[in-house]
């Protein structure tokens, strides 16, 4: 099993994306990635992928309107707050 501080998946929960508009159920998870290295990717001619790594402070300051994204970001903010203020010998919400 991967080291929890290096890599893992937090299952956040199942949430309805819209109140009363649809019955779409979103399964929200937060990925924790360990050390990685960037490598060249070779996409098909009709594939267009854009991604970026940004600091947590930039992400937290970004105006996000997607409820699913906000749930994941708030989960991570809570996880970081608990980790920063926790006693390592006591169980926590995420242990």
N, C-alpha and C. Protein backbone atom coordinates (compact mmCIF):
# COMPACT_ATOMS: atom_id res chain seq x y z
N UNK A 1 0.85 -1.18 0.00
CA UNK A 1 0.00 0.00 0.00
C UNK A 1 0.89 1.24 0.00
N UNK A 2 0.55 2.24 -0.81
CA UNK A 2 1.38 3.44 -0.86
C UNK A 2 1.37 4.19 0.46
N UNK A 3 2.46 4.90 0.71
CA UNK A 3 2.54 5.76 1.89
C UNK A 3 1.45 6.82 1.79
N UNK A 4 0.64 6.96 2.82
CA UNK A 4 -0.50 7.90 2.81
C UNK A 4 -0.05 9.33 2.57
N UNK A 5 1.15 9.68 3.02
CA UNK A 5 1.65 11.04 2.84
C UNK A 5 2.24 11.25 1.45
N UNK A 6 2.43 10.18 0.70
CA UNK A 6 3.04 10.28 -0.62
C UNK A 6 2.03 10.13 -1.74
N UNK A 7 1.14 9.15 -1.63
CA UNK A 7 0.20 8.89 -2.71
C UNK A 7 -1.05 8.24 -2.14
N UNK A 8 -2.19 8.59 -2.69
CA UNK A 8 -3.42 7.97 -2.25
C UNK A 8 -4.64 8.66 -2.82
N UNK A 9 -5.80 8.10 -2.50
CA UNK A 9 -7.08 8.64 -2.97
C UNK A 9 -7.99 8.81 -1.76
N UNK A 10 -8.52 10.01 -1.60
CA UNK A 10 -9.55 10.25 -0.59
C UNK A 10 -10.90 10.20 -1.28
N UNK A 11 -11.76 9.29 -0.85
CA UNK A 11 -13.13 9.29 -1.34
C UNK A 11 -13.87 10.33 -0.52
N UNK A 12 -14.30 11.41 -1.15
CA UNK A 12 -14.93 12.52 -0.44
C UNK A 12 -16.41 12.25 -0.23
N UNK A 13 -17.08 11.76 -1.27
CA UNK A 13 -18.50 11.46 -1.13
C UNK A 13 -19.23 11.52 -2.45
N UNK A 14 -20.51 11.23 -2.40
CA UNK A 14 -21.39 11.28 -3.57
C UNK A 14 -22.32 12.47 -3.39
N UNK A 15 -22.39 13.32 -4.40
CA UNK A 15 -23.16 14.55 -4.28
C UNK A 15 -23.96 14.79 -5.55
N UNK A 16 -25.18 15.28 -5.38
CA UNK A 16 -25.97 15.70 -6.53
C UNK A 16 -25.48 17.07 -6.96
N UNK A 17 -25.15 17.20 -8.24
CA UNK A 17 -24.53 18.42 -8.75
C UNK A 17 -25.47 19.61 -8.77
N UNK A 18 -26.74 19.37 -8.94
CA UNK A 18 -27.70 20.46 -9.08
C UNK A 18 -28.91 20.15 -8.22
N UNK A 19 -29.37 21.15 -7.51
CA UNK A 19 -30.54 20.95 -6.66
C UNK A 19 -31.81 20.97 -7.49
N UNK A 20 -32.35 19.82 -7.77
CA UNK A 20 -33.63 19.72 -8.45
C UNK A 20 -33.61 19.83 -9.96
N UNK A 21 -32.48 20.21 -10.54
CA UNK A 21 -32.43 20.39 -12.00
C UNK A 21 -32.16 19.07 -12.73
N UNK A 22 -31.31 18.24 -12.17
CA UNK A 22 -30.99 16.95 -12.78
C UNK A 22 -30.82 15.92 -11.66
N UNK A 23 -30.68 14.68 -12.07
CA UNK A 23 -30.41 13.65 -11.07
C UNK A 23 -28.96 13.16 -11.19
N UNK A 24 -28.09 13.99 -11.75
CA UNK A 24 -26.68 13.64 -11.91
C UNK A 24 -26.02 13.50 -10.54
N UNK A 25 -25.40 12.36 -10.31
CA UNK A 25 -24.72 12.09 -9.05
C UNK A 25 -23.22 12.11 -9.32
N UNK A 26 -22.49 12.99 -8.65
CA UNK A 26 -21.04 13.10 -8.83
C UNK A 26 -20.35 12.36 -7.71
N UNK A 27 -19.37 11.56 -8.06
CA UNK A 27 -18.56 10.83 -7.10
C UNK A 27 -17.24 11.60 -6.97
N UNK A 28 -17.06 12.30 -5.86
CA UNK A 28 -15.91 13.20 -5.69
C UNK A 28 -14.79 12.47 -4.97
N UNK A 29 -13.60 12.54 -5.55
CA UNK A 29 -12.39 11.97 -4.96
C UNK A 29 -11.26 12.97 -5.10
N UNK A 30 -10.34 12.95 -4.16
CA UNK A 30 -9.16 13.80 -4.21
C UNK A 30 -7.94 12.90 -4.29
N UNK A 31 -7.10 13.14 -5.29
CA UNK A 31 -5.88 12.36 -5.47
C UNK A 31 -4.71 13.05 -4.79
N UNK A 32 -3.89 12.26 -4.12
CA UNK A 32 -2.66 12.76 -3.52
C UNK A 32 -1.52 12.07 -4.27
N UNK A 33 -0.70 12.87 -4.93
CA UNK A 33 0.37 12.32 -5.75
C UNK A 33 1.71 12.49 -5.06
N UNK A 34 2.52 11.48 -5.16
CA UNK A 34 3.85 11.53 -4.59
C UNK A 34 4.82 12.16 -5.58
N UNK A 35 6.08 11.93 -5.36
CA UNK A 35 7.08 12.47 -6.29
C UNK A 35 6.80 11.99 -7.71
N UNK A 36 6.97 12.87 -8.64
CA UNK A 36 6.72 12.53 -10.03
C UNK A 36 7.72 13.26 -10.90
N UNK A 37 7.79 12.86 -12.15
CA UNK A 37 8.64 13.57 -13.10
C UNK A 37 7.83 13.83 -14.36
N UNK A 38 8.09 14.94 -14.99
CA UNK A 38 7.40 15.30 -16.22
C UNK A 38 8.07 14.62 -17.40
N UNK A 39 7.25 14.11 -18.28
CA UNK A 39 7.76 13.47 -19.49
C UNK A 39 6.97 13.97 -20.68
N UNK A 40 7.58 13.89 -21.83
CA UNK A 40 6.92 14.28 -23.06
C UNK A 40 5.72 13.37 -23.32
N UNK A 41 4.61 13.95 -23.73
CA UNK A 41 3.41 13.18 -24.07
C UNK A 41 3.16 13.33 -25.56
N UNK A 42 2.69 12.27 -26.15
CA UNK A 42 2.44 12.27 -27.60
C UNK A 42 0.96 11.97 -27.84
N UNK A 43 0.19 13.04 -28.00
CA UNK A 43 -1.24 12.90 -28.20
C UNK A 43 -1.55 12.75 -29.69
N UNK A 44 -2.71 12.17 -29.98
CA UNK A 44 -3.18 12.10 -31.36
C UNK A 44 -3.42 13.51 -31.88
N UNK A 45 -3.43 13.66 -33.19
CA UNK A 45 -3.60 14.98 -33.82
C UNK A 45 -4.90 15.66 -33.40
N UNK A 46 -5.95 14.88 -33.13
CA UNK A 46 -7.24 15.48 -32.77
C UNK A 46 -7.45 15.59 -31.25
N UNK A 47 -6.44 15.26 -30.46
CA UNK A 47 -6.53 15.38 -29.01
C UNK A 47 -5.94 16.72 -28.56
N UNK A 48 -6.68 17.40 -27.70
CA UNK A 48 -6.22 18.68 -27.17
C UNK A 48 -6.32 18.62 -25.65
N UNK A 49 -5.18 18.53 -25.00
CA UNK A 49 -5.13 18.41 -23.55
C UNK A 49 -4.31 19.57 -23.00
N UNK A 50 -4.88 20.27 -22.05
CA UNK A 50 -4.15 21.35 -21.39
C UNK A 50 -4.21 21.10 -19.90
N UNK A 51 -3.07 21.11 -19.27
CA UNK A 51 -3.02 20.93 -17.82
C UNK A 51 -1.90 21.79 -17.26
N UNK A 52 -1.97 22.03 -15.98
CA UNK A 52 -0.94 22.84 -15.33
C UNK A 52 -0.89 22.49 -13.85
N UNK A 53 0.28 22.55 -13.27
CA UNK A 53 0.46 22.41 -11.83
C UNK A 53 0.57 23.81 -11.27
N UNK A 54 -0.26 24.10 -10.28
CA UNK A 54 -0.21 25.43 -9.67
C UNK A 54 -0.09 25.27 -8.16
N UNK A 55 0.47 26.27 -7.50
CA UNK A 55 0.59 26.19 -6.04
C UNK A 55 -0.79 26.19 -5.37
N UNK A 56 -0.87 25.56 -4.20
CA UNK A 56 -2.13 25.50 -3.45
C UNK A 56 -2.68 26.91 -3.23
N UNK A 57 -1.83 27.86 -2.90
CA UNK A 57 -2.29 29.22 -2.62
C UNK A 57 -2.99 29.83 -3.84
N UNK A 58 -2.48 29.56 -5.04
CA UNK A 58 -3.13 30.06 -6.26
C UNK A 58 -4.49 29.39 -6.46
N UNK A 59 -4.54 28.08 -6.24
CA UNK A 59 -5.80 27.37 -6.40
C UNK A 59 -6.84 27.86 -5.40
N UNK A 60 -6.44 28.02 -4.16
CA UNK A 60 -7.37 28.46 -3.12
C UNK A 60 -7.89 29.87 -3.37
N UNK A 61 -7.10 30.70 -4.07
CA UNK A 61 -7.50 32.08 -4.34
C UNK A 61 -8.31 32.22 -5.63
N UNK A 62 -8.41 31.16 -6.42
CA UNK A 62 -9.11 31.21 -7.70
C UNK A 62 -10.62 31.20 -7.49
N UNK A 63 -11.33 31.99 -8.28
CA UNK A 63 -12.80 31.99 -8.21
C UNK A 63 -13.31 30.79 -9.01
N UNK A 64 -13.89 29.84 -8.32
CA UNK A 64 -14.38 28.61 -8.94
C UNK A 64 -15.88 28.54 -8.73
N UNK A 65 -16.62 28.26 -9.79
CA UNK A 65 -18.08 28.22 -9.68
C UNK A 65 -18.64 26.81 -9.77
N UNK A 66 -17.82 25.84 -10.09
CA UNK A 66 -18.28 24.45 -10.18
C UNK A 66 -18.44 23.86 -8.79
N UNK A 67 -19.64 23.38 -8.48
CA UNK A 67 -19.88 22.82 -7.14
C UNK A 67 -19.01 21.60 -6.89
N UNK A 68 -18.82 20.76 -7.89
CA UNK A 68 -18.01 19.55 -7.70
C UNK A 68 -16.56 19.91 -7.39
N UNK A 69 -16.03 20.90 -8.09
CA UNK A 69 -14.66 21.34 -7.83
C UNK A 69 -14.54 21.95 -6.45
N UNK A 70 -15.53 22.74 -6.05
CA UNK A 70 -15.49 23.37 -4.73
C UNK A 70 -15.54 22.33 -3.61
N UNK A 71 -16.30 21.28 -3.79
CA UNK A 71 -16.36 20.22 -2.78
C UNK A 71 -14.97 19.61 -2.61
N UNK A 72 -14.29 19.30 -3.71
CA UNK A 72 -12.96 18.71 -3.65
C UNK A 72 -11.96 19.67 -3.02
N UNK A 73 -12.02 20.95 -3.39
CA UNK A 73 -11.08 21.95 -2.86
C UNK A 73 -11.32 22.16 -1.37
N UNK A 74 -12.57 22.23 -0.95
CA UNK A 74 -12.86 22.41 0.47
C UNK A 74 -12.44 21.19 1.28
N UNK A 75 -12.60 20.01 0.70
CA UNK A 75 -12.13 18.79 1.37
C UNK A 75 -10.61 18.87 1.59
N UNK A 76 -9.89 19.27 0.56
CA UNK A 76 -8.43 19.36 0.68
C UNK A 76 -8.02 20.45 1.67
N UNK A 77 -8.72 21.57 1.67
CA UNK A 77 -8.42 22.64 2.63
C UNK A 77 -8.62 22.14 4.06
N UNK A 78 -9.69 21.40 4.29
CA UNK A 78 -9.96 20.84 5.61
C UNK A 78 -8.89 19.82 6.00
N UNK A 79 -8.50 18.97 5.05
CA UNK A 79 -7.46 17.98 5.31
C UNK A 79 -6.16 18.66 5.71
N UNK A 80 -5.80 19.71 5.00
CA UNK A 80 -4.56 20.44 5.31
C UNK A 80 -4.63 21.12 6.68
N UNK A 81 -5.78 21.69 7.00
CA UNK A 81 -5.96 22.35 8.29
C UNK A 81 -5.84 21.35 9.43
N UNK A 82 -6.49 20.21 9.29
CA UNK A 82 -6.43 19.18 10.32
C UNK A 82 -5.00 18.65 10.46
N UNK A 83 -4.32 18.42 9.34
CA UNK A 83 -2.95 17.90 9.39
C UNK A 83 -2.01 18.90 10.06
N UNK A 84 -2.20 20.18 9.77
CA UNK A 84 -1.34 21.21 10.35
C UNK A 84 -1.54 21.33 11.86
N UNK A 85 -2.76 21.09 12.34
CA UNK A 85 -3.08 21.29 13.75
C UNK A 85 -3.23 19.99 14.53
N UNK A 86 -2.87 18.87 13.93
CA UNK A 86 -3.13 17.60 14.61
C UNK A 86 -1.96 17.15 15.46
N UNK A 87 -2.29 16.33 16.41
CA UNK A 87 -1.31 15.63 17.22
C UNK A 87 -1.09 14.30 16.50
N UNK A 88 0.12 14.03 16.06
CA UNK A 88 0.41 12.84 15.26
C UNK A 88 0.04 11.53 15.95
N UNK A 89 -0.03 11.54 17.28
CA UNK A 89 -0.34 10.31 18.02
C UNK A 89 -1.82 10.04 18.18
N UNK A 90 -2.65 11.01 17.81
CA UNK A 90 -4.09 10.85 17.96
C UNK A 90 -4.74 10.58 16.59
N UNK A 91 -5.77 9.76 16.56
CA UNK A 91 -6.46 9.54 15.29
C UNK A 91 -7.12 10.83 14.81
N UNK A 92 -7.23 10.97 13.49
CA UNK A 92 -7.88 12.16 12.94
C UNK A 92 -9.00 11.74 12.01
N UNK A 93 -9.67 12.72 11.47
CA UNK A 93 -10.76 12.49 10.54
C UNK A 93 -10.31 11.67 9.34
N UNK A 94 -9.03 11.80 8.94
CA UNK A 94 -8.54 11.16 7.72
C UNK A 94 -7.61 10.00 8.00
N UNK A 95 -7.59 9.45 9.20
CA UNK A 95 -6.70 8.32 9.46
C UNK A 95 -7.44 7.01 9.35
